[in-house]
Amino acid sequence: MALRNVAEAQGGVAQLADKTKLNRESLYKMLSERGNPELKSLDALLHALGFRLAVTANR
């Protein structure tokens, strides 16, 4: 839900759909409480919002 708030603050889901080249309805589903995005879609969303996903080793 936090990502949906960020999306709304940065111009809304429709504008984000244009940036990510993802379907607007899919973005609404992905950003819902029960959303379960694929990694590729999540990566596109985060990139469009100015974020990146990083995985680091636990040493």
PDB file of N, CA and C in Angstrom:
ATOM      1  N   MET A   1       0.827  -1.188   0.000  1.00  0.00           N
ATOM      2  CA  MET A   1       0.000   0.000   0.000  1.00  0.00           C
ATOM      3  C   MET A   1       0.874   1.255   0.000  1.00  0.00           C
ATOM      4  N   ALA A   2       2.059   1.151   0.564  1.00  0.00           N
ATOM      5  CA  ALA A   2       2.951   2.312   0.571  1.00  0.00           C
ATOM      6  C   ALA A   2       3.351   2.696  -0.846  1.00  0.00           C
ATOM      7  N   LEU A   3       3.587   1.701  -1.705  1.00  0.00           N
ATOM      8  CA  LEU A   3       3.936   2.007  -3.090  1.00  0.00           C
ATOM      9  C   LEU A   3       2.781   2.674  -3.824  1.00  0.00           C
ATOM     10  N   ARG A   4       1.558   2.306  -3.482  1.00  0.00           N
ATOM     11  CA  ARG A   4       0.400   2.960  -4.102  1.00  0.00           C
ATOM     12  C   ARG A   4       0.350   4.431  -3.684  1.00  0.00           C
ATOM     13  N   ASN A   5       0.636   4.704  -2.419  1.00  0.00           N
ATOM     14  CA  ASN A   5       0.670   6.084  -1.941  1.00  0.00           C
ATOM     15  C   ASN A   5       1.745   6.888  -2.672  1.00  0.00           C
ATOM     16  N   VAL A   6       2.907   6.283  -2.885  1.00  0.00           N
ATOM     17  CA  VAL A   6       3.986   6.951  -3.610  1.00  0.00           C
ATOM     18  C   VAL A   6       3.556   7.206  -5.056  1.00  0.00           C
ATOM     19  N   ALA A   7       2.925   6.211  -5.673  1.00  0.00           N
ATOM     20  CA  ALA A   7       2.448   6.361  -7.055  1.00  0.00           C
ATOM     21  C   ALA A   7       1.448   7.505  -7.165  1.00  0.00           C
ATOM     22  N   GLU A   8       0.521   7.578  -6.236  1.00  0.00           N
ATOM     23  CA  GLU A   8      -0.477   8.656  -6.245  1.00  0.00           C
ATOM     24  C   GLU A   8       0.193  10.010  -6.055  1.00  0.00           C
ATOM     25  N   ALA A   9       1.196  10.072  -5.186  1.00  0.00           N
ATOM     26  CA  ALA A   9       1.896  11.334  -4.927  1.00  0.00           C
ATOM     27  C   ALA A   9       2.721  11.786  -6.124  1.00  0.00           C
ATOM     28  N   GLN A  10       3.138  10.843  -6.964  1.00  0.00           N
ATOM     29  CA  GLN A  10       3.975  11.183  -8.118  1.00  0.00           C
ATOM     30  C   GLN A  10       3.180  11.309  -9.412  1.00  0.00           C
ATOM     31  N   GLY A  11       1.886  11.480  -9.321  1.00  0.00           N
ATOM     32  CA  GLY A  11       1.115  11.734 -10.526  1.00  0.00           C
ATOM     33  C   GLY A  11       0.000  10.759 -10.796  1.00  0.00           C
ATOM     34  N   GLY A  12      -0.102   9.699 -10.010  1.00  0.00           N
ATOM     35  CA  GLY A  12      -1.199   8.761 -10.163  1.00  0.00           C
ATOM     36  C   GLY A  12      -0.836   7.513 -10.940  1.00  0.00           C
ATOM     37  N   VAL A  13      -1.729   6.549 -10.851  1.00  0.00           N
ATOM     38  CA  VAL A  13      -1.501   5.239 -11.453  1.00  0.00           C
ATOM     39  C   VAL A  13      -1.539   5.315 -12.977  1.00  0.00           C
ATOM     40  N   ALA A  14      -2.387   6.153 -13.534  1.00  0.00           N
ATOM     41  CA  ALA A  14      -2.467   6.271 -14.992  1.00  0.00           C
ATOM     42  C   ALA A  14      -1.135   6.754 -15.572  1.00  0.00           C
ATOM     43  N   GLN A  15      -0.545   7.756 -14.950  1.00  0.00           N
ATOM     44  CA  GLN A  15       0.756   8.259 -15.404  1.00  0.00           C
ATOM     45  C   GLN A  15       1.831   7.190 -15.216  1.00  0.00           C
ATOM     46  N   LEU A  16       1.761   6.468 -14.120  1.00  0.00           N
ATOM     47  CA  LEU A  16       2.721   5.400 -13.852  1.00  0.00           C
ATOM     48  C   LEU A  16       2.590   4.289 -14.895  1.00  0.00           C
ATOM     49  N   ALA A  17       1.389   4.010 -15.332  1.00  0.00           N
ATOM     50  CA  ALA A  17       1.174   2.991 -16.361  1.00  0.00           C
ATOM     51  C   ALA A  17       1.904   3.372 -17.644  1.00  0.00           C
ATOM     52  N   ASP A  18       1.885   4.649 -17.987  1.00  0.00           N
ATOM     53  CA  ASP A  18       2.611   5.111 -19.171  1.00  0.00           C
ATOM     54  C   ASP A  18       4.111   4.932 -19.006  1.00  0.00           C
ATOM     55  N   LYS A  19       4.630   5.259 -17.832  1.00  0.00           N
ATOM     56  CA  LYS A  19       6.069   5.139 -17.576  1.00  0.00           C
ATOM     57  C   LYS A  19       6.536   3.690 -17.594  1.00  0.00           C
ATOM     58  N   THR A  20       5.728   2.792 -17.027  1.00  0.00           N
ATOM     59  CA  THR A  20       6.138   1.401 -16.883  1.00  0.00           C
ATOM     60  C   THR A  20       5.771   0.535 -18.076  1.00  0.00           C
ATOM     61  N   LYS A  21       4.903   1.047 -18.954  1.00  0.00           N
ATOM     62  CA  LYS A  21       4.375   0.278 -20.093  1.00  0.00           C
ATOM     63  C   LYS A  21       3.561  -0.919 -19.609  1.00  0.00           C
ATOM     64  N   LEU A  22       2.989  -0.791 -18.397  1.00  0.00           N
ATOM     65  CA  LEU A  22       2.126  -1.826 -17.844  1.00  0.00           C
ATOM     66  C   LEU A  22       0.677  -1.361 -17.945  1.00  0.00           C
ATOM     67  N   ASN A  23      -0.227  -2.304 -17.989  1.00  0.00           N
ATOM     68  CA  ASN A  23      -1.652  -2.035 -18.058  1.00  0.00           C
ATOM     69  C   ASN A  23      -2.108  -1.343 -16.771  1.00  0.00           C
ATOM     70  N   ARG A  24      -2.911  -0.290 -16.910  1.00  0.00           N
ATOM     71  CA  ARG A  24      -3.376   0.478 -15.739  1.00  0.00           C
ATOM     72  C   ARG A  24      -4.141  -0.394 -14.761  1.00  0.00           C
ATOM     73  N   GLU A  25      -5.031  -1.250 -15.269  1.00  0.00           N
ATOM     74  CA  GLU A  25      -5.808  -2.125 -14.394  1.00  0.00           C
ATOM     75  C   GLU A  25      -4.900  -3.101 -13.650  1.00  0.00           C
ATOM     76  N   SER A  26      -3.858  -3.585 -14.326  1.00  0.00           N
ATOM     77  CA  SER A  26      -2.900  -4.487 -13.674  1.00  0.00           C
ATOM     78  C   SER A  26      -2.163  -3.777 -12.554  1.00  0.00           C
ATOM     79  N   LEU A  27      -1.828  -2.511 -12.793  1.00  0.00           N
ATOM     80  CA  LEU A  27      -1.154  -1.740 -11.745  1.00  0.00           C
ATOM     81  C   LEU A  27      -2.053  -1.553 -10.532  1.00  0.00           C
ATOM     82  N   TYR A  28      -3.334  -1.259 -10.773  1.00  0.00           N
ATOM     83  CA  TYR A  28      -4.265  -1.122  -9.641  1.00  0.00           C
ATOM     84  C   TYR A  28      -4.326  -2.417  -8.834  1.00  0.00           C
ATOM     85  N   LYS A  29      -4.373  -3.557  -9.521  1.00  0.00           N
ATOM     86  CA  LYS A  29      -4.398  -4.845  -8.816  1.00  0.00           C
ATOM     87  C   LYS A  29      -3.096  -5.067  -8.061  1.00  0.00           C
ATOM     88  N   MET A  30      -1.970  -4.766  -8.724  1.00  0.00           N
ATOM     89  CA  MET A  30      -0.665  -4.977  -8.116  1.00  0.00           C
ATOM     90  C   MET A  30      -0.498  -4.117  -6.871  1.00  0.00           C
ATOM     91  N   LEU A  31      -1.055  -2.917  -6.883  1.00  0.00           N
ATOM     92  CA  LEU A  31      -0.903  -1.984  -5.773  1.00  0.00           C
ATOM     93  C   LEU A  31      -2.020  -2.092  -4.741  1.00  0.00           C
ATOM     94  N   SER A  32      -2.868  -3.100  -4.867  1.00  0.00           N
ATOM     95  CA  SER A  32      -3.937  -3.298  -3.889  1.00  0.00           C
ATOM     96  C   SER A  32      -3.404  -4.089  -2.698  1.00  0.00           C
ATOM     97  N   GLU A  33      -4.220  -4.187  -1.662  1.00  0.00           N
ATOM     98  CA  GLU A  33      -3.821  -4.929  -0.462  1.00  0.00           C
ATOM     99  C   GLU A  33      -3.517  -6.387  -0.765  1.00  0.00           C
ATOM    100  N   ARG A  34      -4.204  -6.949  -1.731  1.00  0.00           N
ATOM    101  CA  ARG A  34      -4.009  -8.360  -2.071  1.00  0.00           C
ATOM    102  C   ARG A  34      -3.146  -8.538  -3.315  1.00  0.00           C
ATOM    103  N   GLY A  35      -2.452  -7.482  -3.710  1.00  0.00           N
ATOM    104  CA  GLY A  35      -1.607  -7.531  -4.894  1.00  0.00           C
ATOM    105  C   GLY A  35      -0.463  -8.520  -4.726  1.00  0.00           C
ATOM    106  N   ASN A  36      -0.108  -9.184  -5.812  1.00  0.00           N
ATOM    107  CA  ASN A  36       0.969 -10.169  -5.794  1.00  0.00           C
ATOM    108  C   ASN A  36       1.723 -10.062  -7.121  1.00  0.00           C
ATOM    109  N   PRO A  37       2.541  -9.010  -7.286  1.00  0.00           N
ATOM    110  CA  PRO A  37       3.174  -8.766  -8.582  1.00  0.00           C
ATOM    111  C   PRO A  37       4.298  -9.750  -8.895  1.00  0.00           C
ATOM    112  N   GLU A  38       4.505  -9.962 -10.183  1.00  0.00           N
ATOM    113  CA  GLU A  38       5.671 -10.710 -10.619  1.00  0.00           C
ATOM    114  C   GLU A  38       6.890  -9.818 -10.424  1.00  0.00           C
ATOM    115  N   LEU A  39       8.055 -10.425 -10.293  1.00  0.00           N
ATOM    116  CA  LEU A  39       9.278  -9.668 -10.047  1.00  0.00           C
ATOM    117  C   LEU A  39       9.543  -8.674 -11.177  1.00  0.00           C
ATOM    118  N   LYS A  40       9.292  -9.059 -12.416  1.00  0.00           N
ATOM    119  CA  LYS A  40       9.514  -8.177 -13.568  1.00  0.00           C
ATOM    120  C   LYS A  40       8.634  -6.929 -13.464  1.00  0.00           C
ATOM    121  N   SER A  41       7.373  -7.121 -13.085  1.00  0.00           N
ATOM    122  CA  SER A  41       6.460  -5.990 -12.941  1.00  0.00           C
ATOM    123  C   SER A  41       6.861  -5.109 -11.764  1.00  0.00           C
ATOM    124  N   LEU A  42       7.243  -5.723 -10.665  1.00  0.00           N
ATOM    125  CA  LEU A  42       7.677  -4.963  -9.495  1.00  0.00           C
ATOM    126  C   LEU A  42       8.918  -4.151  -9.820  1.00  0.00           C
ATOM    127  N   ASP A  43       9.848  -4.726 -10.571  1.00  0.00           N
ATOM    128  CA  ASP A  43      11.060  -4.017 -10.955  1.00  0.00           C
ATOM    129  C   ASP A  43      10.722  -2.802 -11.822  1.00  0.00           C
ATOM    130  N   ALA A  44       9.817  -2.969 -12.782  1.00  0.00           N
ATOM    131  CA  ALA A  44       9.403  -1.852 -13.638  1.00  0.00           C
ATOM    132  C   ALA A  44       8.738  -0.758 -12.812  1.00  0.00           C
ATOM    133  N   LEU A  45       7.911  -1.154 -11.874  1.00  0.00           N
ATOM    134  CA  LEU A  45       7.229  -0.197 -11.005  1.00  0.00           C
ATOM    135  C   LEU A  45       8.232   0.578 -10.151  1.00  0.00           C
ATOM    136  N   LEU A  46       9.126  -0.133  -9.505  1.00  0.00           N
ATOM    137  CA  LEU A  46      10.115   0.523  -8.645  1.00  0.00           C
ATOM    138  C   LEU A  46      11.002   1.460  -9.454  1.00  0.00           C
ATOM    139  N   HIS A  47      11.423   1.032 -10.635  1.00  0.00           N
ATOM    140  CA  HIS A  47      12.269   1.869 -11.487  1.00  0.00           C
ATOM    141  C   HIS A  47      11.546   3.165 -11.856  1.00  0.00           C
ATOM    142  N   ALA A  48      10.281   3.056 -12.227  1.00  0.00           N
ATOM    143  CA  ALA A  48       9.504   4.237 -12.609  1.00  0.00           C
ATOM    144  C   ALA A  48       9.303   5.189 -11.432  1.00  0.00           C
ATOM    145  N   LEU A  49       9.278   4.657 -10.224  1.00  0.00           N
ATOM    146  CA  LEU A  49       9.103   5.483  -9.032  1.00  0.00           C
ATOM    147  C   LEU A  49      10.425   6.035  -8.491  1.00  0.00           C
ATOM    148  N   GLY A  50      11.540   5.599  -9.104  1.00  0.00           N
ATOM    149  CA  GLY A  50      12.848   6.082  -8.665  1.00  0.00           C
ATOM    150  C   GLY A  50      13.492   5.234  -7.594  1.00  0.00           C
ATOM    151  N   PHE A  51      13.033   3.989  -7.461  1.00  0.00           N
ATOM    152  CA  PHE A  51      13.595   3.062  -6.478  1.00  0.00           C
ATOM    153  C   PHE A  51      14.246   1.886  -7.193  1.00  0.00           C
ATOM    154  N   ARG A  52      14.978   1.086  -6.429  1.00  0.00           N
ATOM    155  CA  ARG A  52      15.497  -0.167  -6.970  1.00  0.00           C
ATOM    156  C   ARG A  52      15.456  -1.222  -5.882  1.00  0.00           C
ATOM    157  N   LEU A  53      15.353  -2.445  -6.305  1.00  0.00           N
ATOM    158  CA  LEU A  53      15.309  -3.578  -5.386  1.00  0.00           C
ATOM    159  C   LEU A  53      16.706  -4.182  -5.336  1.00  0.00           C
ATOM    160  N   ALA A  54      17.236  -4.387  -4.158  1.00  0.00           N
ATOM    161  CA  ALA A  54      18.582  -4.935  -4.014  1.00  0.00           C
ATOM    162  C   ALA A  54      18.536  -6.111  -3.055  1.00  0.00           C
ATOM    163  N   VAL A  55      19.309  -7.124  -3.380  1.00  0.00           N
ATOM    164  CA  VAL A  55      19.456  -8.294  -2.525  1.00  0.00           C
ATOM    165  C   VAL A  55      20.925  -8.388  -2.150  1.00  0.00           C
ATOM    166  N   THR A  56      21.199  -8.504  -0.858  1.00  0.00           N
ATOM    167  CA  THR A  56      22.579  -8.615  -0.398  1.00  0.00           C
ATOM    168  C   THR A  56      22.761  -9.859   0.427  1.00  0.00           C
ATOM    169  N   ALA A  57      23.982 -10.321   0.474  1.00  0.00           N
ATOM    170  CA  ALA A  57      24.303 -11.521   1.254  1.00  0.00           C
ATOM    171  C   ALA A  57      24.323 -11.181   2.737  1.00  0.00           C
ATOM    172  N   ASN A  58      23.833 -12.099   3.536  1.00  0.00           N
ATOM    173  CA  ASN A  58      23.849 -11.959   4.983  1.00  0.00           C
ATOM    174  C   ASN A  58      25.133 -12.608   5.480  1.00  0.00           C
ATOM    175  N   ARG A  59      26.078 -11.809   5.896  1.00  0.00           N
ATOM    176  CA  ARG A  59      27.384 -12.360   6.316  1.00  0.00           C
ATOM    177  C   ARG A  59      27.557 -12.304   7.790  1.00  0.00           C
TER     178      ARG A  59
END
